[in-house]
Amino acid sequence: LAAAAARPGPARALDAGQAAPPFSLPSSAGGSLSLDDLKQQGKYSVLYFYNQDGSPGCSLEAARFQQSLDAFAARKATVVGVSMDSLESHGKAC
């Protein structure tokens, strides 16, 4: 699942395990996806951020998460990748 983030002002870094701030983003699965949506699923959420669709880093990172989806699901975790790219770009890269 991928989400497209609007280009905000300066970002603040989160530490591993730190709660994400509230958000709502367009989703490649259709509609939008918010932190509240993820919380209502009663699962853990793994958010990963990447710089650009189709870049070597994105492709490697996404492939590694894809290979581990069953392990995350077994631990009741949903994986969501976020970048600044458009939903159209996500569709071409995925």
N, C-alpha and C. Protein backbone atom coordinates (compact mmCIF):
# COMPACT_ATOMS: atom_id res chain seq x y z
N LEU A 1 0.85 -1.17 0.00
CA LEU A 1 0.00 0.00 0.00
C LEU A 1 0.89 1.22 0.00
N ALA A 2 0.62 2.17 -0.85
CA ALA A 2 1.43 3.38 -0.92
C ALA A 2 0.53 4.59 -0.75
N ALA A 3 1.09 5.63 -0.20
CA ALA A 3 0.36 6.87 0.00
C ALA A 3 1.20 8.01 -0.55
N ALA A 4 0.53 9.04 -1.05
CA ALA A 4 1.22 10.20 -1.58
C ALA A 4 1.13 11.34 -0.58
N ALA A 5 2.26 11.86 -0.17
CA ALA A 5 2.29 12.92 0.82
C ALA A 5 2.38 14.27 0.12
N ALA A 6 1.64 15.25 0.63
CA ALA A 6 1.75 16.61 0.13
C ALA A 6 3.11 17.15 0.54
N ARG A 7 3.60 18.10 -0.18
CA ARG A 7 4.91 18.68 0.16
C ARG A 7 4.74 19.68 1.29
N PRO A 8 5.03 19.25 2.52
CA PRO A 8 4.87 20.13 3.68
C PRO A 8 6.10 20.99 3.88
N GLY A 9 6.06 21.76 4.94
CA GLY A 9 7.24 22.52 5.35
C GLY A 9 8.26 21.57 5.92
N PRO A 10 9.22 22.11 6.64
CA PRO A 10 10.27 21.26 7.21
C PRO A 10 9.69 20.12 8.05
N ALA A 11 10.23 18.94 7.83
CA ALA A 11 9.75 17.75 8.55
C ALA A 11 10.51 17.59 9.85
N ARG A 12 9.88 16.95 10.79
CA ARG A 12 10.58 16.63 12.03
C ARG A 12 10.78 15.13 12.05
N ALA A 13 11.92 14.72 12.47
CA ALA A 13 12.26 13.30 12.49
C ALA A 13 11.57 12.60 13.64
N LEU A 14 11.22 11.35 13.42
CA LEU A 14 10.66 10.49 14.46
C LEU A 14 11.69 9.43 14.82
N ASP A 15 11.73 9.08 16.05
CA ASP A 15 12.58 7.98 16.49
C ASP A 15 11.82 6.67 16.28
N ALA A 16 12.55 5.57 16.09
CA ALA A 16 11.92 4.26 15.95
C ALA A 16 11.03 4.01 17.14
N GLY A 17 9.79 3.58 16.87
CA GLY A 17 8.84 3.29 17.93
C GLY A 17 8.02 4.48 18.38
N GLN A 18 8.41 5.68 17.97
CA GLN A 18 7.67 6.88 18.34
C GLN A 18 6.36 6.95 17.55
N ALA A 19 5.30 7.39 18.19
CA ALA A 19 4.00 7.49 17.52
C ALA A 19 4.04 8.53 16.41
N ALA A 20 3.44 8.20 15.30
CA ALA A 20 3.35 9.12 14.17
C ALA A 20 2.31 10.20 14.47
N PRO A 21 2.50 11.40 13.94
CA PRO A 21 1.48 12.44 14.10
C PRO A 21 0.27 12.09 13.23
N PRO A 22 -0.89 12.64 13.53
CA PRO A 22 -2.07 12.37 12.71
C PRO A 22 -1.81 12.76 11.25
N PHE A 23 -2.34 11.96 10.33
CA PHE A 23 -2.21 12.28 8.91
C PHE A 23 -3.37 11.67 8.15
N SER A 24 -3.62 12.20 6.97
CA SER A 24 -4.56 11.64 6.01
C SER A 24 -3.96 11.90 4.63
N LEU A 25 -3.76 10.82 3.85
CA LEU A 25 -3.09 10.91 2.56
C LEU A 25 -3.88 10.15 1.51
N PRO A 26 -3.78 10.58 0.23
CA PRO A 26 -4.38 9.79 -0.85
C PRO A 26 -3.71 8.42 -0.89
N SER A 27 -4.49 7.39 -1.15
CA SER A 27 -3.97 6.02 -1.11
C SER A 27 -3.99 5.38 -2.49
N SER A 28 -2.97 4.58 -2.79
CA SER A 28 -2.94 3.85 -4.06
C SER A 28 -4.03 2.79 -4.12
N ALA A 29 -4.60 2.45 -2.98
CA ALA A 29 -5.69 1.48 -2.94
C ALA A 29 -7.05 2.14 -3.19
N GLY A 30 -7.03 3.47 -3.40
CA GLY A 30 -8.26 4.22 -3.61
C GLY A 30 -8.66 4.97 -2.36
N GLY A 31 -9.25 6.11 -2.53
CA GLY A 31 -9.67 6.93 -1.39
C GLY A 31 -8.48 7.52 -0.67
N SER A 32 -8.61 7.58 0.64
CA SER A 32 -7.52 8.12 1.44
C SER A 32 -7.21 7.16 2.58
N LEU A 33 -6.09 7.39 3.20
CA LEU A 33 -5.65 6.57 4.32
C LEU A 33 -5.21 7.51 5.43
N SER A 34 -5.73 7.30 6.61
CA SER A 34 -5.34 8.15 7.75
C SER A 34 -4.79 7.28 8.87
N LEU A 35 -4.10 7.92 9.77
CA LEU A 35 -3.60 7.21 10.94
C LEU A 35 -4.78 6.63 11.73
N ASP A 36 -5.88 7.36 11.81
CA ASP A 36 -7.06 6.84 12.50
C ASP A 36 -7.58 5.58 11.82
N ASP A 37 -7.56 5.53 10.47
CA ASP A 37 -7.98 4.31 9.76
C ASP A 37 -7.13 3.12 10.18
N LEU A 38 -5.82 3.34 10.24
CA LEU A 38 -4.91 2.26 10.62
C LEU A 38 -5.16 1.82 12.06
N LYS A 39 -5.38 2.76 12.95
CA LYS A 39 -5.64 2.43 14.36
C LYS A 39 -6.93 1.63 14.51
N GLN A 40 -7.94 1.95 13.71
CA GLN A 40 -9.23 1.25 13.79
C GLN A 40 -9.13 -0.20 13.34
N GLN A 41 -8.09 -0.53 12.58
CA GLN A 41 -7.89 -1.91 12.15
C GLN A 41 -7.42 -2.78 13.31
N GLY A 42 -7.01 -2.14 14.41
CA GLY A 42 -6.56 -2.90 15.57
C GLY A 42 -5.23 -3.59 15.35
N LYS A 43 -4.42 -3.05 14.45
CA LYS A 43 -3.12 -3.64 14.14
C LYS A 43 -2.02 -2.61 14.41
N TYR A 44 -0.80 -3.10 14.46
CA TYR A 44 0.34 -2.21 14.47
C TYR A 44 0.50 -1.64 13.07
N SER A 45 1.11 -0.48 12.95
CA SER A 45 1.37 0.13 11.65
C SER A 45 2.86 0.35 11.48
N VAL A 46 3.38 -0.10 10.36
CA VAL A 46 4.77 0.13 10.01
C VAL A 46 4.77 1.11 8.85
N LEU A 47 5.21 2.33 9.11
CA LEU A 47 5.29 3.34 8.06
C LEU A 47 6.74 3.45 7.63
N TYR A 48 6.96 3.35 6.32
CA TYR A 48 8.31 3.60 5.82
C TYR A 48 8.22 4.68 4.76
N PHE A 49 9.24 5.49 4.72
CA PHE A 49 9.27 6.64 3.83
C PHE A 49 10.42 6.46 2.84
N TYR A 50 10.15 6.78 1.60
CA TYR A 50 11.19 6.65 0.58
C TYR A 50 11.19 7.89 -0.30
N ASN A 51 12.33 8.13 -0.95
CA ASN A 51 12.50 9.41 -1.64
C ASN A 51 11.82 9.50 -2.99
N GLN A 52 11.78 8.43 -3.78
CA GLN A 52 11.20 8.55 -5.12
C GLN A 52 10.82 7.18 -5.66
N ASP A 53 9.64 7.11 -6.28
CA ASP A 53 9.21 5.87 -6.93
C ASP A 53 10.23 5.45 -7.99
N GLY A 54 10.52 4.16 -8.02
CA GLY A 54 11.39 3.63 -9.04
C GLY A 54 12.87 3.82 -8.80
N SER A 55 13.24 4.54 -7.76
CA SER A 55 14.67 4.73 -7.47
C SER A 55 15.23 3.42 -6.93
N PRO A 56 16.54 3.21 -7.04
CA PRO A 56 17.12 1.96 -6.53
C PRO A 56 16.80 1.72 -5.05
N GLY A 57 16.89 2.76 -4.25
CA GLY A 57 16.59 2.60 -2.82
C GLY A 57 15.14 2.22 -2.58
N CYS A 58 14.25 2.88 -3.29
CA CYS A 58 12.81 2.59 -3.16
C CYS A 58 12.53 1.15 -3.56
N SER A 59 13.07 0.75 -4.72
CA SER A 59 12.80 -0.59 -5.22
C SER A 59 13.30 -1.67 -4.27
N LEU A 60 14.49 -1.49 -3.74
CA LEU A 60 15.06 -2.46 -2.80
C LEU A 60 14.26 -2.49 -1.50
N GLU A 61 13.96 -1.32 -0.97
CA GLU A 61 13.21 -1.24 0.29
C GLU A 61 11.82 -1.86 0.13
N ALA A 62 11.13 -1.46 -0.94
CA ALA A 62 9.78 -2.00 -1.17
C ALA A 62 9.82 -3.51 -1.35
N ALA A 63 10.81 -4.02 -2.07
CA ALA A 63 10.92 -5.46 -2.28
C ALA A 63 11.14 -6.19 -0.96
N ARG A 64 11.95 -5.62 -0.10
CA ARG A 64 12.22 -6.26 1.20
C ARG A 64 10.95 -6.29 2.06
N PHE A 65 10.20 -5.18 2.06
CA PHE A 65 8.95 -5.18 2.81
C PHE A 65 7.97 -6.18 2.20
N GLN A 66 7.89 -6.23 0.86
CA GLN A 66 7.00 -7.16 0.17
C GLN A 66 7.33 -8.60 0.55
N GLN A 67 8.62 -8.93 0.59
CA GLN A 67 9.05 -10.29 0.96
C GLN A 67 8.71 -10.64 2.40
N SER A 68 8.53 -9.62 3.23
CA SER A 68 8.28 -9.85 4.66
C SER A 68 6.83 -9.62 5.07
N LEU A 69 5.93 -9.40 4.10
CA LEU A 69 4.54 -9.10 4.44
C LEU A 69 3.89 -10.17 5.30
N ASP A 70 4.15 -11.44 5.01
CA ASP A 70 3.55 -12.52 5.81
C ASP A 70 4.02 -12.44 7.26
N ALA A 71 5.29 -12.13 7.46
CA ALA A 71 5.83 -12.02 8.82
C ALA A 71 5.20 -10.84 9.55
N PHE A 72 5.02 -9.72 8.85
CA PHE A 72 4.35 -8.58 9.48
C PHE A 72 2.90 -8.91 9.80
N ALA A 73 2.22 -9.55 8.86
CA ALA A 73 0.81 -9.92 9.07
C ALA A 73 0.66 -10.85 10.27
N ALA A 74 1.60 -11.77 10.42
CA ALA A 74 1.56 -12.70 11.55
C ALA A 74 1.67 -11.97 12.88
N ARG A 75 2.29 -10.80 12.84
CA ARG A 75 2.44 -9.98 14.05
C ARG A 75 1.39 -8.86 14.11
N LYS A 76 0.35 -9.01 13.26
CA LYS A 76 -0.76 -8.06 13.21
C LYS A 76 -0.28 -6.64 12.90
N ALA A 77 0.56 -6.54 11.86
CA ALA A 77 1.08 -5.24 11.45
C ALA A 77 0.76 -4.98 9.98
N THR A 78 0.37 -3.76 9.68
CA THR A 78 0.13 -3.29 8.33
C THR A 78 1.32 -2.45 7.91
N VAL A 79 1.81 -2.67 6.69
CA VAL A 79 2.96 -1.92 6.17
C VAL A 79 2.46 -0.90 5.16
N VAL A 80 2.90 0.36 5.32
CA VAL A 80 2.51 1.44 4.43
C VAL A 80 3.77 2.20 4.01
N GLY A 81 3.98 2.32 2.70
CA GLY A 81 5.08 3.12 2.16
C GLY A 81 4.58 4.49 1.77
N VAL A 82 5.35 5.52 2.09
CA VAL A 82 4.95 6.91 1.84
C VAL A 82 6.07 7.62 1.10
N SER A 83 5.70 8.35 0.05
CA SER A 83 6.66 9.21 -0.64
C SER A 83 5.94 10.48 -1.09
N MET A 84 6.71 11.39 -1.65
CA MET A 84 6.15 12.64 -2.14
C MET A 84 5.62 12.51 -3.56
N ASP A 85 5.77 11.33 -4.17
CA ASP A 85 5.33 11.13 -5.55
C ASP A 85 3.81 11.07 -5.65
N SER A 86 3.31 11.27 -6.86
CA SER A 86 1.88 11.23 -7.11
C SER A 86 1.36 9.79 -7.12
N LEU A 87 0.06 9.63 -7.00
CA LEU A 87 -0.54 8.30 -7.09
C LEU A 87 -0.29 7.70 -8.46
N GLU A 88 -0.28 8.52 -9.50
CA GLU A 88 0.01 8.04 -10.85
C GLU A 88 1.42 7.45 -10.89
N SER A 89 2.36 8.12 -10.27
CA SER A 89 3.74 7.62 -10.22
C SER A 89 3.81 6.32 -9.44
N HIS A 90 3.06 6.22 -8.33
CA HIS A 90 3.04 4.97 -7.56
C HIS A 90 2.56 3.81 -8.44
N GLY A 91 1.52 4.05 -9.23
CA GLY A 91 0.96 3.01 -10.07
C GLY A 91 1.95 2.51 -11.12
N LYS A 92 2.76 3.40 -11.63
CA LYS A 92 3.75 3.02 -12.65
C LYS A 92 4.91 2.26 -12.01
N ALA A 93 5.25 2.61 -10.78
CA ALA A 93 6.42 2.02 -10.13
C ALA A 93 6.10 0.69 -9.45
N CYS A 94 4.87 0.48 -9.11
CA CYS A 94 4.51 -0.72 -8.32
C CYS A 94 4.07 -1.86 -9.20
